[in-house]
PDB file of N, CA and C in Angstrom:
ATOM      1  N   UNK A   1     199.612  44.073  58.373  1.00  0.00           N
ATOM      2  CA  UNK A   1     199.068  43.148  59.357  1.00  0.00           C
ATOM      3  C   UNK A   1     198.675  41.821  58.701  1.00  0.00           C
ATOM      4  N   UNK A   2     198.112  41.889  57.486  1.00  0.00           N
ATOM      5  CA  UNK A   2     197.706  40.672  56.792  1.00  0.00           C
ATOM      6  C   UNK A   2     198.903  39.763  56.528  1.00  0.00           C
ATOM      7  N   UNK A   3     200.041  40.390  56.197  1.00  0.00           N
ATOM      8  CA  UNK A   3     201.244  39.610  55.898  1.00  0.00           C
ATOM      9  C   UNK A   3     201.769  38.891  57.139  1.00  0.00           C
ATOM     10  N   UNK A   4     201.636  39.534  58.282  1.00  0.00           N
ATOM     11  CA  UNK A   4     202.085  38.919  59.537  1.00  0.00           C
ATOM     12  C   UNK A   4     201.219  37.695  59.845  1.00  0.00           C
ATOM     13  N   UNK A   5     199.921  37.841  59.694  1.00  0.00           N
ATOM     14  CA  UNK A   5     199.009  36.720  59.948  1.00  0.00           C
ATOM     15  C   UNK A   5     199.283  35.589  58.956  1.00  0.00           C
ATOM     16  N   UNK A   6     199.453  35.934  57.690  1.00  0.00           N
ATOM     17  CA  UNK A   6     199.757  34.925  56.679  1.00  0.00           C
ATOM     18  C   UNK A   6     201.071  34.210  56.996  1.00  0.00           C
ATOM     19  N   UNK A   7     202.083  34.968  57.394  1.00  0.00           N
ATOM     20  CA  UNK A   7     203.378  34.376  57.745  1.00  0.00           C
ATOM     21  C   UNK A   7     203.231  33.423  58.931  1.00  0.00           C
ATOM     22  N   UNK A   8     202.467  33.813  59.934  1.00  0.00           N
ATOM     23  CA  UNK A   8     202.242  32.942  61.101  1.00  0.00           C
ATOM     24  C   UNK A   8     201.510  31.665  60.709  1.00  0.00           C
ATOM     25  N   UNK A   9     200.507  31.789  59.856  1.00  0.00           N
ATOM     26  CA  UNK A   9     199.767  30.608  59.402  1.00  0.00           C
ATOM     27  C   UNK A   9     200.700  29.661  58.648  1.00  0.00           C
ATOM     28  N   UNK A  10     201.537  30.199  57.777  1.00  0.00           N
ATOM     29  CA  UNK A  10     202.487  29.377  57.019  1.00  0.00           C
ATOM     30  C   UNK A  10     203.452  28.661  57.975  1.00  0.00           C
ATOM     31  N   UNK A  11     203.981  29.373  58.948  1.00  0.00           N
ATOM     32  CA  UNK A  11     204.910  28.779  59.926  1.00  0.00           C
ATOM     33  C   UNK A  11     204.217  27.653  60.701  1.00  0.00           C
ATOM     34  N   UNK A  12     202.992  27.884  61.121  1.00  0.00           N
ATOM     35  CA  UNK A  12     202.250  26.861  61.871  1.00  0.00           C
ATOM     36  C   UNK A  12     201.999  25.631  60.997  1.00  0.00           C
ATOM     37  N   UNK A  13     201.581  25.833  59.763  1.00  0.00           N
ATOM     38  CA  UNK A  13     201.321  24.710  58.855  1.00  0.00           C
ATOM     39  C   UNK A  13     202.596  23.902  58.617  1.00  0.00           C
ATOM     40  N   UNK A  14     203.705  24.579  58.374  1.00  0.00           N
ATOM     41  CA  UNK A  14     204.987  23.880  58.159  1.00  0.00           C
ATOM     42  C   UNK A  14     205.382  23.099  59.405  1.00  0.00           C
ATOM     43  N   UNK A  15     205.227  23.704  60.568  1.00  0.00           N
ATOM     44  CA  UNK A  15     205.579  23.031  61.829  1.00  0.00           C
ATOM     45  C   UNK A  15     204.737  21.781  62.060  1.00  0.00           C
ATOM     46  N   UNK A  16     203.451  21.886  61.824  1.00  0.00           N
ATOM     47  CA  UNK A  16     202.555  20.729  61.995  1.00  0.00           C
ATOM     48  C   UNK A  16     202.923  19.630  61.001  1.00  0.00           C
ATOM     49  N   UNK A  17     203.182  20.006  59.753  1.00  0.00           N
ATOM     50  CA  UNK A  17     203.574  19.035  58.735  1.00  0.00           C
ATOM     51  C   UNK A  17     204.850  18.308  59.143  1.00  0.00           C
ATOM     52  N   UNK A  18     205.872  19.038  59.580  1.00  0.00           N
ATOM     53  CA  UNK A  18     207.137  18.410  60.010  1.00  0.00           C
ATOM     54  C   UNK A  18     206.915  17.476  61.193  1.00  0.00           C
ATOM     55  N   UNK A  19     206.111  17.912  62.148  1.00  0.00           N
ATOM     56  CA  UNK A  19     205.832  17.086  63.319  1.00  0.00           C
ATOM     57  C   UNK A  19     205.156  15.776  62.918  1.00  0.00           C
ATOM     58  N   UNK A  20     204.135  15.867  62.073  1.00  0.00           N
ATOM     59  CA  UNK A  20     203.419  14.663  61.644  1.00  0.00           C
ATOM     60  C   UNK A  20     204.312  13.746  60.811  1.00  0.00           C
ATOM     61  N   UNK A  21     205.144  14.320  59.947  1.00  0.00           N
ATOM     62  CA  UNK A  21     206.050  13.513  59.136  1.00  0.00           C
ATOM     63  C   UNK A  21     207.071  12.800  60.035  1.00  0.00           C
ATOM     64  N   UNK A  22     207.597  13.516  61.023  1.00  0.00           N
ATOM     65  CA  UNK A  22     208.578  12.901  61.915  1.00  0.00           C
ATOM     66  C   UNK A  22     207.960  11.757  62.720  1.00  0.00           C
ATOM     67  N   UNK A  23     206.710  11.900  63.110  1.00  0.00           N
ATOM     68  CA  UNK A  23     206.052  10.832  63.870  1.00  0.00           C
ATOM     69  C   UNK A  23     205.940   9.547  63.064  1.00  0.00           C
ATOM     70  N   UNK A  24     206.004   9.639  61.737  1.00  0.00           N
ATOM     71  CA  UNK A  24     205.894   8.439  60.909  1.00  0.00           C
ATOM     72  C   UNK A  24     207.157   7.582  60.967  1.00  0.00           C
ATOM     73  N   UNK A  25     208.297   8.160  61.302  1.00  0.00           N
ATOM     74  CA  UNK A  25     209.544   7.381  61.341  1.00  0.00           C
ATOM     75  C   UNK A  25     210.254   7.398  62.695  1.00  0.00           C
ATOM     76  N   UNK A  26     209.902   8.310  63.580  1.00  0.00           N
ATOM     77  CA  UNK A  26     210.546   8.381  64.891  1.00  0.00           C
ATOM     78  C   UNK A  26     209.520   8.086  65.968  1.00  0.00           C
ATOM     79  N   UNK A  27     209.801   7.056  66.759  1.00  0.00           N
ATOM     80  CA  UNK A  27     208.904   6.699  67.845  1.00  0.00           C
ATOM     81  C   UNK A  27     209.494   7.225  69.154  1.00  0.00           C
ATOM     82  N   UNK A  28     208.764   8.113  69.800  1.00  0.00           N
ATOM     83  CA  UNK A  28     209.187   8.619  71.108  1.00  0.00           C
ATOM     84  C   UNK A  28     208.577   7.698  72.150  1.00  0.00           C
ATOM     85  N   UNK A  29     209.452   7.099  72.967  1.00  0.00           N
ATOM     86  CA  UNK A  29     208.980   6.087  73.914  1.00  0.00           C
ATOM     87  C   UNK A  29     209.332   6.464  75.349  1.00  0.00           C
ATOM     88  N   UNK A  30     208.572   5.903  76.269  1.00  0.00           N
ATOM     89  CA  UNK A  30     208.778   6.173  77.688  1.00  0.00           C
ATOM     90  C   UNK A  30     210.066   5.508  78.179  1.00  0.00           C
ATOM     91  N   UNK A  31     210.503   5.901  79.339  1.00  0.00           N
ATOM     92  CA  UNK A  31     211.703   5.296  79.918  1.00  0.00           C
ATOM     93  C   UNK A  31     211.529   3.786  80.094  1.00  0.00           C
ATOM     94  N   UNK A  32     210.354   3.345  80.499  1.00  0.00           N
ATOM     95  CA  UNK A  32     210.099   1.915  80.669  1.00  0.00           C
ATOM     96  C   UNK A  32     210.254   1.176  79.344  1.00  0.00           C
ATOM     97  N   UNK A  33     209.639   1.707  78.294  1.00  0.00           N
ATOM     98  CA  UNK A  33     209.759   1.089  76.972  1.00  0.00           C
ATOM     99  C   UNK A  33     211.214   1.125  76.487  1.00  0.00           C
ATOM    100  N   UNK A  34     211.889   2.219  76.773  1.00  0.00           N
ATOM    101  CA  UNK A  34     213.291   2.389  76.372  1.00  0.00           C
ATOM    102  C   UNK A  34     214.156   1.306  77.039  1.00  0.00           C
ATOM    103  N   UNK A  35     213.948   1.122  78.346  1.00  0.00           N
ATOM    104  CA  UNK A  35     214.707   0.095  79.081  1.00  0.00           C
ATOM    105  C   UNK A  35     214.450  -1.306  78.541  1.00  0.00           C
ATOM    106  N   UNK A  36     213.202  -1.577  78.163  1.00  0.00           N
ATOM    107  CA  UNK A  36     212.836  -2.905  77.663  1.00  0.00           C
ATOM    108  C   UNK A  36     213.524  -3.239  76.346  1.00  0.00           C
ATOM    109  N   UNK A  37     213.839  -2.224  75.533  1.00  0.00           N
ATOM    110  CA  UNK A  37     214.360  -2.494  74.205  1.00  0.00           C
ATOM    111  C   UNK A  37     215.794  -2.128  73.910  1.00  0.00           C
ATOM    112  N   UNK A  38     216.409  -1.255  74.703  1.00  0.00           N
ATOM    113  CA  UNK A  38     217.709  -0.736  74.281  1.00  0.00           C
ATOM    114  C   UNK A  38     218.849  -1.750  74.339  1.00  0.00           C
ATOM    115  N   UNK A  39     218.727  -2.808  75.101  1.00  0.00           N
ATOM    116  CA  UNK A  39     219.808  -3.802  75.150  1.00  0.00           C
ATOM    117  C   UNK A  39     219.896  -4.616  73.860  1.00  0.00           C
ATOM    118  N   UNK A  40     218.781  -4.669  73.115  1.00  0.00           N
ATOM    119  CA  UNK A  40     218.761  -5.400  71.842  1.00  0.00           C
ATOM    120  C   UNK A  40     218.966  -4.446  70.669  1.00  0.00           C
ATOM    121  N   UNK A  41     219.305  -3.219  70.971  1.00  0.00           N
ATOM    122  CA  UNK A  41     219.417  -2.184  69.940  1.00  0.00           C
ATOM    123  C   UNK A  41     220.780  -1.496  70.034  1.00  0.00           C
ATOM    124  N   UNK A  42     220.952  -0.499  69.200  1.00  0.00           N
ATOM    125  CA  UNK A  42     222.138   0.358  69.252  1.00  0.00           C
ATOM    126  C   UNK A  42     221.753   1.577  70.072  1.00  0.00           C
ATOM    127  N   UNK A  43     222.362   1.732  71.225  1.00  0.00           N
ATOM    128  CA  UNK A  43     222.045   2.832  72.137  1.00  0.00           C
ATOM    129  C   UNK A  43     223.038   3.964  71.899  1.00  0.00           C
ATOM    130  N   UNK A  44     222.524   5.096  71.424  1.00  0.00           N
ATOM    131  CA  UNK A  44     223.400   6.188  71.032  1.00  0.00           C
ATOM    132  C   UNK A  44     223.012   7.480  71.742  1.00  0.00           C
ATOM    133  N   UNK A  45     223.998   8.054  72.417  1.00  0.00           N
ATOM    134  CA  UNK A  45     223.877   9.352  73.069  1.00  0.00           C
ATOM    135  C   UNK A  45     224.373  10.379  72.057  1.00  0.00           C
ATOM    136  N   UNK A  46     223.518  11.286  71.628  1.00  0.00           N
ATOM    137  CA  UNK A  46     223.891  12.246  70.583  1.00  0.00           C
ATOM    138  C   UNK A  46     224.355  13.586  71.152  1.00  0.00           C
ATOM    139  N   UNK A  47     224.595  13.634  72.456  1.00  0.00           N
ATOM    140  CA  UNK A  47     225.104  14.868  73.066  1.00  0.00           C
ATOM    141  C   UNK A  47     226.602  15.013  72.775  1.00  0.00           C
ATOM    142  N   UNK A  48     227.145  16.142  73.112  1.00  0.00           N
ATOM    143  CA  UNK A  48     228.570  16.401  72.892  1.00  0.00           C
ATOM    144  C   UNK A  48     229.416  15.596  73.887  1.00  0.00           C
ATOM    145  N   UNK A  49     230.682  15.305  73.522  1.00  0.00           N
ATOM    146  CA  UNK A  49     231.538  14.452  74.365  1.00  0.00           C
ATOM    147  C   UNK A  49     231.641  14.880  75.834  1.00  0.00           C
ATOM    148  N   UNK A  50     231.692  16.167  76.104  1.00  0.00           N
ATOM    149  CA  UNK A  50     231.810  16.612  77.500  1.00  0.00           C
ATOM    150  C   UNK A  50     230.545  16.285  78.291  1.00  0.00           C
ATOM    151  N   UNK A  51     229.389  16.418  77.657  1.00  0.00           N
ATOM    152  CA  UNK A  51     228.134  16.065  78.321  1.00  0.00           C
ATOM    153  C   UNK A  51     228.099  14.562  78.600  1.00  0.00           C
ATOM    154  N   UNK A  52     228.525  13.774  77.613  1.00  0.00           N
ATOM    155  CA  UNK A  52     228.582  12.313  77.750  1.00  0.00           C
ATOM    156  C   UNK A  52     229.511  11.926  78.897  1.00  0.00           C
ATOM    157  N   UNK A  53     230.644  12.586  78.956  1.00  0.00           N
ATOM    158  CA  UNK A  53     231.636  12.290  80.002  1.00  0.00           C
ATOM    159  C   UNK A  53     231.074  12.578  81.397  1.00  0.00           C
ATOM    160  N   UNK A  54     230.226  13.576  81.487  1.00  0.00           N
ATOM    161  CA  UNK A  54     229.655  13.941  82.793  1.00  0.00           C
ATOM    162  C   UNK A  54     228.567  12.975  83.269  1.00  0.00           C
ATOM    163  N   UNK A  55     228.158  12.069  82.407  1.00  0.00           N
ATOM    164  CA  UNK A  55     227.160  11.065  82.784  1.00  0.00           C
ATOM    165  C   UNK A  55     226.326  10.654  81.599  1.00  0.00           C
ATOM    166  N   UNK A  56     226.107   9.333  81.461  1.00  0.00           N
ATOM    167  CA  UNK A  56     225.316   8.816  80.346  1.00  0.00           C
ATOM    168  C   UNK A  56     224.652   7.500  80.743  1.00  0.00           C
ATOM    169  N   UNK A  57     223.677   7.092  79.955  1.00  0.00           N
ATOM    170  CA  UNK A  57     222.991   5.828  80.199  1.00  0.00           C
ATOM    171  C   UNK A  57     224.012   4.702  80.054  1.00  0.00           C
ATOM    172  N   UNK A  58     224.010   3.802  81.010  1.00  0.00           N
ATOM    173  CA  UNK A  58     224.947   2.683  81.000  1.00  0.00           C
ATOM    174  C   UNK A  58     224.807   1.895  79.698  1.00  0.00           C
ATOM    175  N   UNK A  59     225.913   1.717  78.981  1.00  0.00           N
ATOM    176  CA  UNK A  59     225.919   0.964  77.735  1.00  0.00           C
ATOM    177  C   UNK A  59     225.804   1.813  76.480  1.00  0.00           C
ATOM    178  N   UNK A  60     225.647   3.126  76.634  1.00  0.00           N
ATOM    179  CA  UNK A  60     225.483   4.013  75.473  1.00  0.00           C
ATOM    180  C   UNK A  60     226.827   4.310  74.805  1.00  0.00           C
ATOM    181  N   UNK A  61     226.758   4.515  73.479  1.00  0.00           N
ATOM    182  CA  UNK A  61     227.901   5.017  72.704  1.00  0.00           C
ATOM    183  C   UNK A  61     227.653   6.491  72.436  1.00  0.00           C
ATOM    184  N   UNK A  62     228.716   7.246  72.383  1.00  0.00           N
ATOM    185  CA  UNK A  62     228.589   8.675  72.110  1.00  0.00           C
ATOM    186  C   UNK A  62     228.897   8.964  70.647  1.00  0.00           C
ATOM    187  N   UNK A  63     227.852   9.347  69.907  1.00  0.00           N
ATOM    188  CA  UNK A  63     228.013   9.827  68.537  1.00  0.00           C
ATOM    189  C   UNK A  63     227.249  11.143  68.486  1.00  0.00           C
ATOM    190  N   UNK A  64     227.945  12.262  68.739  1.00  0.00           N
ATOM    191  CA  UNK A  64     227.259  13.557  68.755  1.00  0.00           C
ATOM    192  C   UNK A  64     226.551  13.839  67.436  1.00  0.00           C
ATOM    193  N   UNK A  65     225.400  14.477  67.517  1.00  0.00           N
ATOM    194  CA  UNK A  65     224.639  14.803  66.308  1.00  0.00           C
ATOM    195  C   UNK A  65     225.493  15.633  65.352  1.00  0.00           C
ATOM    196  N   UNK A  66     226.427  16.422  65.890  1.00  0.00           N
ATOM    197  CA  UNK A  66     227.301  17.249  65.050  1.00  0.00           C
ATOM    198  C   UNK A  66     228.294  16.414  64.238  1.00  0.00           C
ATOM    199  N   UNK A  67     228.505  15.150  64.630  1.00  0.00           N
ATOM    200  CA  UNK A  67     229.437  14.258  63.924  1.00  0.00           C
ATOM    201  C   UNK A  67     228.724  13.109  63.214  1.00  0.00           C
ATOM    202  N   UNK A  68     227.413  13.061  63.316  1.00  0.00           N
ATOM    203  CA  UNK A  68     226.678  11.883  62.859  1.00  0.00           C
ATOM    204  C   UNK A  68     226.880  11.580  61.370  1.00  0.00           C
ATOM    205  N   UNK A  69     226.843  12.587  60.511  1.00  0.00           N
ATOM    206  CA  UNK A  69     227.016  12.345  59.071  1.00  0.00           C
ATOM    207  C   UNK A  69     228.330  11.628  58.790  1.00  0.00           C
ATOM    208  N   UNK A  70     229.389  12.044  59.467  1.00  0.00           N
ATOM    209  CA  UNK A  70     230.709  11.460  59.248  1.00  0.00           C
ATOM    210  C   UNK A  70     230.846  10.079  59.884  1.00  0.00           C
ATOM    211  N   UNK A  71     229.986   9.747  60.822  1.00  0.00           N
ATOM    212  CA  UNK A  71     230.134   8.493  61.575  1.00  0.00           C
ATOM    213  C   UNK A  71     229.000   7.493  61.325  1.00  0.00           C
ATOM    214  N   UNK A  72     228.236   7.684  60.261  1.00  0.00           N
ATOM    215  CA  UNK A  72     227.117   6.777  59.958  1.00  0.00           C
ATOM    216  C   UNK A  72     227.565   5.330  59.809  1.00  0.00           C
ATOM    217  N   UNK A  73     228.799   5.118  59.366  1.00  0.00           N
ATOM    218  CA  UNK A  73     229.301   3.747  59.181  1.00  0.00           C
ATOM    219  C   UNK A  73     229.296   2.967  60.494  1.00  0.00           C
ATOM    220  N   UNK A  74     229.295   3.663  61.617  1.00  0.00           N
ATOM    221  CA  UNK A  74     229.299   3.021  62.937  1.00  0.00           C
ATOM    222  C   UNK A  74     227.905   2.545  63.364  1.00  0.00           C
ATOM    223  N   UNK A  75     226.882   2.931  62.607  1.00  0.00           N
ATOM    224  CA  UNK A  75     225.499   2.612  62.984  1.00  0.00           C
ATOM    225  C   UNK A  75     224.912   1.647  61.959  1.00  0.00           C
ATOM    226  N   UNK A  76     224.526   0.473  62.430  1.00  0.00           N
ATOM    227  CA  UNK A  76     223.975  -0.564  61.541  1.00  0.00           C
ATOM    228  C   UNK A  76     222.529  -0.245  61.175  1.00  0.00           C
ATOM    229  N   UNK A  77     222.175  -0.547  59.929  1.00  0.00           N
ATOM    230  CA  UNK A  77     220.802  -0.328  59.469  1.00  0.00           C
ATOM    231  C   UNK A  77     219.880  -1.490  59.831  1.00  0.00           C
ATOM    232  N   UNK A  78     220.456  -2.651  60.148  1.00  0.00           N
ATOM    233  CA  UNK A  78     219.645  -3.842  60.398  1.00  0.00           C
ATOM    234  C   UNK A  78     219.262  -4.026  61.867  1.00  0.00           C
ATOM    235  N   UNK A  79     219.606  -3.068  62.715  1.00  0.00           N
ATOM    236  CA  UNK A  79     219.238  -3.144  64.133  1.00  0.00           C
ATOM    237  C   UNK A  79     218.553  -1.845  64.540  1.00  0.00           C
ATOM    238  N   UNK A  80     217.610  -1.920  65.471  1.00  0.00           N
ATOM    239  CA  UNK A  80     216.962  -0.690  65.945  1.00  0.00           C
ATOM    240  C   UNK A  80     217.987   0.291  66.520  1.00  0.00           C
ATOM    241  N   UNK A  81     217.683   1.568  66.390  1.00  0.00           N
ATOM    242  CA  UNK A  81     218.540   2.628  66.922  1.00  0.00           C
ATOM    243  C   UNK A  81     217.765   3.358  68.012  1.00  0.00           C
ATOM    244  N   UNK A  82     218.330   3.376  69.217  1.00  0.00           N
ATOM    245  CA  UNK A  82     217.737   4.086  70.352  1.00  0.00           C
ATOM    246  C   UNK A  82     218.592   5.323  70.600  1.00  0.00           C
ATOM    247  N   UNK A  83     217.976   6.482  70.477  1.00  0.00           N
ATOM    248  CA  UNK A  83     218.678   7.750  70.611  1.00  0.00           C
ATOM    249  C   UNK A  83     218.221   8.492  71.860  1.00  0.00           C
ATOM    250  N   UNK A  84     219.141   9.279  72.404  1.00  0.00           N
ATOM    251  CA  UNK A  84     218.739  10.245  73.418  1.00  0.00           C
ATOM    252  C   UNK A  84     219.744  11.385  73.443  1.00  0.00           C
ATOM    253  N   UNK A  85     219.267  12.533  73.912  1.00  0.00           N
ATOM    254  CA  UNK A  85     220.123  13.689  74.149  1.00  0.00           C
ATOM    255  C   UNK A  85     219.710  14.235  75.514  1.00  0.00           C
ATOM    256  N   UNK A  86     219.926  15.495  75.758  1.00  0.00           N
ATOM    257  CA  UNK A  86     219.567  16.032  77.069  1.00  0.00           C
ATOM    258  C   UNK A  86     218.052  16.151  77.238  1.00  0.00           C
ATOM    259  N   UNK A  87     217.363  16.638  76.172  1.00  0.00           N
ATOM    260  CA  UNK A  87     215.919  16.859  76.317  1.00  0.00           C
ATOM    261  C   UNK A  87     215.072  16.316  75.165  1.00  0.00           C
ATOM    262  N   UNK A  88     215.668  16.079  73.998  1.00  0.00           N
ATOM    263  CA  UNK A  88     214.915  15.541  72.873  1.00  0.00           C
ATOM    264  C   UNK A  88     215.124  16.264  71.551  1.00  0.00           C
ATOM    265  N   UNK A  89     215.605  17.494  71.587  1.00  0.00           N
ATOM    266  CA  UNK A  89     215.755  18.270  70.347  1.00  0.00           C
ATOM    267  C   UNK A  89     216.844  17.691  69.438  1.00  0.00           C
ATOM    268  N   UNK A  90     218.003  17.400  70.000  1.00  0.00           N
ATOM    269  CA  UNK A  90     219.108  16.879  69.182  1.00  0.00           C
ATOM    270  C   UNK A  90     218.843  15.457  68.713  1.00  0.00           C
ATOM    271  N   UNK A  91     218.198  14.645  69.539  1.00  0.00           N
ATOM    272  CA  UNK A  91     217.895  13.284  69.083  1.00  0.00           C
ATOM    273  C   UNK A  91     216.871  13.315  67.949  1.00  0.00           C
ATOM    274  N   UNK A  92     215.994  14.301  67.929  1.00  0.00           N
ATOM    275  CA  UNK A  92     215.067  14.468  66.805  1.00  0.00           C
ATOM    276  C   UNK A  92     215.820  14.799  65.527  1.00  0.00           C
ATOM    277  N   UNK A  93     216.812  15.688  65.630  1.00  0.00           N
ATOM    278  CA  UNK A  93     217.630  16.031  64.449  1.00  0.00           C
ATOM    279  C   UNK A  93     218.410  14.819  63.968  1.00  0.00           C
ATOM    280  N   UNK A  94     218.972  14.059  64.906  1.00  0.00           N
ATOM    281  CA  UNK A  94     219.730  12.854  64.542  1.00  0.00           C
ATOM    282  C   UNK A  94     218.809  11.844  63.854  1.00  0.00           C
ATOM    283  N   UNK A  95     217.597  11.697  64.355  1.00  0.00           N
ATOM    284  CA  UNK A  95     216.623  10.768  63.759  1.00  0.00           C
ATOM    285  C   UNK A  95     216.281  11.178  62.340  1.00  0.00           C
ATOM    286  N   UNK A  96     216.142  12.469  62.116  1.00  0.00           N
ATOM    287  CA  UNK A  96     215.833  12.966  60.771  1.00  0.00           C
ATOM    288  C   UNK A  96     216.957  12.590  59.806  1.00  0.00           C
ATOM    289  N   UNK A  97     218.192  12.762  60.221  1.00  0.00           N
ATOM    290  CA  UNK A  97     219.342  12.399  59.390  1.00  0.00           C
ATOM    291  C   UNK A  97     219.356  10.895  59.120  1.00  0.00           C
ATOM    292  N   UNK A  98     219.163  10.095  60.161  1.00  0.00           N
ATOM    293  CA  UNK A  98     219.157   8.636  59.994  1.00  0.00           C
ATOM    294  C   UNK A  98     218.044   8.199  59.042  1.00  0.00           C
ATOM    295  N   UNK A  99     216.875   8.789  59.198  1.00  0.00           N
ATOM    296  CA  UNK A  99     215.749   8.455  58.323  1.00  0.00           C
ATOM    297  C   UNK A  99     216.094   8.749  56.864  1.00  0.00           C
ATOM    298  N   UNK A 100     216.688   9.894  56.616  1.00  0.00           N
ATOM    299  CA  UNK A 100     217.070  10.265  55.248  1.00  0.00           C
ATOM    300  C   UNK A 100     218.087   9.286  54.662  1.00  0.00           C
ATOM    301  N   UNK A 101     218.872   8.655  55.531  1.00  0.00           N
ATOM    302  CA  UNK A 101     219.898   7.706  55.080  1.00  0.00           C
ATOM    303  C   UNK A 101     219.390   6.270  55.041  1.00  0.00           C
ATOM    304  N   UNK A 102     218.094   6.076  55.278  1.00  0.00           N
ATOM    305  CA  UNK A 102     217.501   4.762  55.103  1.00  0.00           C
ATOM    306  C   UNK A 102     217.338   3.907  56.347  1.00  0.00           C
ATOM    307  N   UNK A 103     217.558   4.467  57.522  1.00  0.00           N
ATOM    308  CA  UNK A 103     217.352   3.705  58.756  1.00  0.00           C
ATOM    309  C   UNK A 103     215.853   3.609  59.024  1.00  0.00           C
ATOM    310  N   UNK A 104     215.409   2.440  59.492  1.00  0.00           N
ATOM    311  CA  UNK A 104     213.976   2.188  59.640  1.00  0.00           C
ATOM    312  C   UNK A 104     213.476   2.274  61.080  1.00  0.00           C
ATOM    313  N   UNK A 105     214.122   1.571  61.995  1.00  0.00           N
ATOM    314  CA  UNK A 105     213.639   1.500  63.381  1.00  0.00           C
ATOM    315  C   UNK A 105     214.396   2.511  64.240  1.00  0.00           C
ATOM    316  N   UNK A 106     213.773   3.673  64.440  1.00  0.00           N
ATOM    317  CA  UNK A 106     214.411   4.751  65.190  1.00  0.00           C
ATOM    318  C   UNK A 106     213.508   5.130  66.363  1.00  0.00           C
ATOM    319  N   UNK A 107     214.098   5.143  67.553  1.00  0.00           N
ATOM    320  CA  UNK A 107     213.374   5.456  68.777  1.00  0.00           C
ATOM    321  C   UNK A 107     214.121   6.548  69.533  1.00  0.00           C
ATOM    322  N   UNK A 108     213.378   7.370  70.261  1.00  0.00           N
ATOM    323  CA  UNK A 108     214.029   8.338  71.139  1.00  0.00           C
ATOM    324  C   UNK A 108     213.396   8.293  72.518  1.00  0.00           C
ATOM    325  N   UNK A 109     214.209   8.591  73.509  1.00  0.00           N
ATOM    326  CA  UNK A 109     213.775   8.594  74.903  1.00  0.00           C
ATOM    327  C   UNK A 109     212.969   9.851  75.192  1.00  0.00           C
ATOM    328  N   UNK A 110     211.739   9.664  75.617  1.00  0.00           N
ATOM    329  CA  UNK A 110     210.867  10.792  75.966  1.00  0.00           C
ATOM    330  C   UNK A 110     211.482  11.571  77.129  1.00  0.00           C
ATOM    331  N   UNK A 111     211.658  12.872  76.931  1.00  0.00           N
ATOM    332  CA  UNK A 111     212.211  13.714  77.996  1.00  0.00           C
ATOM    333  C   UNK A 111     213.720  13.739  78.040  1.00  0.00           C
ATOM    334  N   UNK A 112     214.376  12.855  77.302  1.00  0.00           N
ATOM    335  CA  UNK A 112     215.837  12.848  77.235  1.00  0.00           C
ATOM    336  C   UNK A 112     216.525  12.404  78.520  1.00  0.00           C
ATOM    337  N   UNK A 113     217.825  12.603  78.539  1.00  0.00           N
ATOM    338  CA  UNK A 113     218.656  12.154  79.664  1.00  0.00           C
ATOM    339  C   UNK A 113     218.260  12.832  80.970  1.00  0.00           C
ATOM    340  N   UNK A 114     217.798  14.069  80.892  1.00  0.00           N
ATOM    341  CA  UNK A 114     217.448  14.774  82.131  1.00  0.00           C
ATOM    342  C   UNK A 114     216.281  14.121  82.863  1.00  0.00           C
ATOM    343  N   UNK A 115     215.484  13.300  82.161  1.00  0.00           N
ATOM    344  CA  UNK A 115     214.363  12.593  82.797  1.00  0.00           C
ATOM    345  C   UNK A 115     214.716  11.138  83.145  1.00  0.00           C
ATOM    346  N   UNK A 116     215.899  10.685  82.751  1.00  0.00           N
ATOM    347  CA  UNK A 116     216.323   9.297  82.959  1.00  0.00           C
ATOM    348  C   UNK A 116     216.538   9.022  84.436  1.00  0.00           C
ATOM    349  N   UNK A 117     215.971   7.912  84.919  1.00  0.00           N
ATOM    350  CA  UNK A 117     216.148   7.538  86.331  1.00  0.00           C
ATOM    351  C   UNK A 117     216.901   6.224  86.481  1.00  0.00           C
ATOM    352  N   UNK A 118     217.297   5.628  85.351  1.00  0.00           N
ATOM    353  CA  UNK A 118     217.989   4.341  85.383  1.00  0.00           C
ATOM    354  C   UNK A 118     219.481   4.492  85.687  1.00  0.00           C
ATOM    355  N   UNK A 119     220.206   3.409  85.446  1.00  0.00           N
ATOM    356  CA  UNK A 119     221.639   3.388  85.730  1.00  0.00           C
ATOM    357  C   UNK A 119     222.385   4.377  84.843  1.00  0.00           C
ATOM    358  N   UNK A 120     223.351   5.051  85.467  1.00  0.00           N
ATOM    359  CA  UNK A 120     224.152   6.066  84.786  1.00  0.00           C
ATOM    360  C   UNK A 120     225.615   5.753  85.019  1.00  0.00           C
ATOM    361  N   UNK A 121     226.404   5.955  83.973  1.00  0.00           N
ATOM    362  CA  UNK A 121     227.855   5.810  84.099  1.00  0.00           C
ATOM    363  C   UNK A 121     228.464   7.195  83.989  1.00  0.00           C
ATOM    364  N   UNK A 122     229.350   7.517  84.909  1.00  0.00           N
ATOM    365  CA  UNK A 122     230.067   8.797  84.860  1.00  0.00           C
ATOM    366  C   UNK A 122     231.486   8.575  84.406  1.00  0.00           C
ATOM    367  N   UNK A 123     232.030   9.521  83.674  1.00  0.00           N
ATOM    368  CA  UNK A 123     233.393   9.401  83.151  1.00  0.00           C
ATOM    369  C   UNK A 123     233.433   8.561  81.901  1.00  0.00           C
ATOM    370  N   UNK A 124     234.526   8.695  81.152  1.00  0.00           N
ATOM    371  CA  UNK A 124     234.650   7.962  79.881  1.00  0.00           C
ATOM    372  C   UNK A 124     235.144   6.562  80.068  1.00  0.00           C
TER     373      UNK A 124
END
């Protein structure tokens, strides 16, 4: 029983540490804030191509998180990067990768595409 409690405490501490570290480089912003800034930034949808094809934020480029390492050359370091996925999990992973590669201004849409109420483009 002691080992189970110790394991849970370790998992919680690691999770809190990762969350706090991620907050230092990834800014989660509201839809209003996202709309105000994404036209001056690189807007990237990190979902898979079929999800993107079914609908995406108008003006977004599709660079799936599964392809991001291979496609980093497409993302400039000197401009803010606005990320979104369906709910936020994949954009967090993409942000972690970008941060490790030296990107500074990284933002993600709070709630992801499923919470987006702005203009949407369907089809490729």
